[in-house]
Amino acid sequence: MDDNDDIREIYRVKFQREGWTVMEARDGAEGMRKCKENKPAIILLDIEMPVLGGLGVLDALKADAELAKIPVIILSNVDNDSVFQEVIESGRAQYYLVKSLTEAQKVVDIALEVLANRQQ
């Protein structure tokens, strides 16, 4: 989930080239609807989005028994220690990555790692 069309395109293309099925959402409310309908294996989530921001999405995911166990990777340019601590230390997300500092392949690799660890 990301409100930036270019960012979504970069990650959609990268993940599809790696064999993933990708769903996109421009805002948190759209993303939540798609999550409820499709139950994705993993979620890439931005913090700053319109309608429902990333922290609101995390709250909604964790409050929904069917969605609570879906791993979440935060991919955001919000580089803020208090947000990082709130998200990671609470266990609401498995990783917090800063978009501008992280290559797309690294995100794919981390997503694979998260899913592999989940199956163990």
Protein backbone atom coordinates (compact mmCIF):
# COMPACT_ATOMS: atom_id res chain seq x y z
CA MET A 1 0.00 0.00 0.00
CA ASP A 2 1.45 3.29 -1.12
CA ASP A 3 -0.12 6.48 -2.40
CA ASN A 4 2.73 7.10 -4.87
CA ASP A 5 1.99 5.57 -8.29
CA ASP A 6 5.67 5.42 -9.27
CA ILE A 7 6.69 3.61 -6.09
CA ARG A 8 3.88 1.08 -6.49
CA GLU A 9 4.94 0.51 -10.10
CA ILE A 10 8.59 -0.10 -9.16
CA TYR A 11 7.67 -2.70 -6.55
CA ARG A 12 4.88 -4.27 -8.59
CA VAL A 13 7.25 -4.86 -11.53
CA LYS A 14 10.07 -6.12 -9.27
CA PHE A 15 7.88 -8.56 -7.37
CA GLN A 16 6.12 -9.80 -10.52
CA ARG A 17 9.48 -10.47 -12.17
CA GLU A 18 10.30 -12.60 -9.14
CA GLY A 19 7.11 -14.61 -9.67
CA TRP A 20 4.84 -12.95 -7.10
CA THR A 21 1.18 -12.08 -7.57
CA VAL A 22 0.80 -8.44 -6.60
CA MET A 23 -2.19 -6.40 -5.45
CA GLU A 24 -1.88 -2.64 -5.14
CA ALA A 25 -3.68 -0.03 -3.07
CA ARG A 26 -3.42 3.76 -3.19
CA ASP A 27 -4.55 4.31 0.36
CA GLY A 28 -5.07 2.40 3.58
CA ALA A 29 -8.84 2.01 3.24
CA GLU A 30 -8.50 0.48 -0.24
CA GLY A 31 -5.69 -1.70 1.06
CA MET A 32 -7.79 -2.98 3.95
CA ARG A 33 -10.65 -3.87 1.58
CA LYS A 34 -8.25 -5.79 -0.64
CA CYS A 35 -6.68 -7.56 2.34
CA LYS A 36 -10.08 -8.69 3.60
CA GLU A 37 -11.05 -9.95 0.14
CA ASN A 38 -7.77 -11.64 -0.80
CA LYS A 39 -5.86 -12.49 2.42
CA PRO A 40 -2.36 -11.77 1.04
CA ALA A 41 0.69 -13.73 2.17
CA ILE A 42 2.54 -10.52 3.08
CA ILE A 43 1.89 -6.78 3.08
CA LEU A 44 4.21 -3.92 2.11
CA LEU A 45 2.89 -0.82 3.85
CA ASP A 46 3.71 2.88 3.73
CA ILE A 47 3.15 4.99 6.85
CA GLU A 48 1.98 8.22 5.22
CA MET A 49 -1.09 7.58 3.05
CA PRO A 50 -4.41 9.33 2.54
CA VAL A 51 -7.78 8.15 3.90
CA LEU A 52 -6.23 5.66 6.35
CA GLY A 53 -2.53 5.94 7.19
CA GLY A 54 -0.18 3.06 7.79
CA LEU A 55 -0.50 3.12 11.57
CA GLY A 56 -4.28 2.96 11.21
CA VAL A 57 -3.91 0.03 8.82
CA LEU A 58 -1.69 -1.77 11.34
CA ASP A 59 -4.31 -1.24 14.03
CA ALA A 60 -7.08 -2.52 11.73
CA LEU A 61 -5.04 -5.55 10.67
CA LYS A 62 -4.22 -6.55 14.24
CA ALA A 63 -7.86 -6.10 15.30
CA ASP A 64 -9.08 -8.51 12.61
CA ALA A 65 -8.56 -12.16 13.58
CA GLU A 66 -8.32 -13.27 9.93
CA LEU A 67 -5.70 -10.64 9.05
CA ALA A 68 -3.73 -10.30 12.27
CA LYS A 69 -1.16 -12.94 11.41
CA ILE A 70 -0.29 -11.58 7.94
CA PRO A 71 3.32 -10.35 8.12
CA VAL A 72 3.82 -6.66 7.42
CA ILE A 73 6.91 -4.91 6.09
CA ILE A 74 6.86 -1.15 6.52
CA LEU A 75 8.38 0.56 3.49
CA SER A 76 8.26 4.27 4.17
CA ASN A 77 10.29 7.45 4.01
CA VAL A 78 9.18 8.26 7.55
CA ASP A 79 12.56 7.91 9.25
CA ASN A 80 11.44 8.49 12.81
CA ASP A 81 12.72 6.52 15.81
CA SER A 82 9.48 6.79 17.78
CA VAL A 83 7.39 5.47 14.87
CA PHE A 84 9.96 2.71 14.30
CA GLN A 85 9.83 1.69 17.96
CA GLU A 86 6.04 1.83 18.06
CA VAL A 87 5.74 -0.43 15.03
CA ILE A 88 8.57 -2.92 15.56
CA GLU A 89 8.66 -3.24 19.34
CA SER A 90 4.91 -3.78 19.47
CA GLY A 91 5.27 -6.63 16.96
CA ARG A 92 2.90 -4.93 14.52
CA ALA A 93 5.43 -5.26 11.68
CA GLN A 94 8.36 -7.58 11.01
CA TYR A 95 10.60 -4.97 9.31
CA TYR A 96 10.74 -1.21 8.96
CA LEU A 97 12.60 -0.13 5.84
CA VAL A 98 13.29 3.41 4.66
CA LYS A 99 12.32 3.56 0.96
CA SER A 100 15.05 5.97 -0.09
CA LEU A 101 17.72 3.78 1.53
CA THR A 102 16.52 0.35 0.39
CA GLU A 103 16.83 -1.21 -3.07
CA ALA A 104 13.83 -3.07 -4.48
CA GLN A 105 15.73 -6.38 -4.59
CA LYS A 106 16.49 -6.07 -0.87
CA VAL A 107 12.75 -5.69 -0.19
CA VAL A 108 12.03 -8.84 -2.21
CA ASP A 109 14.74 -10.73 -0.33
CA ILE A 110 13.37 -9.61 3.03
CA ALA A 111 9.83 -10.59 2.02
CA LEU A 112 11.08 -14.07 1.09
CA GLU A 113 12.92 -14.31 4.42
CA VAL A 114 9.85 -13.27 6.40
CA LEU A 115 7.68 -15.85 4.64
CA ALA A 116 10.31 -18.58 5.06
CA ASN A 117 10.59 -17.85 8.80
CA ARG A 118 6.81 -17.88 9.12
CA GLN A 119 6.60 -21.40 7.70
CA GLN A 120 9.12 -22.81 10.17
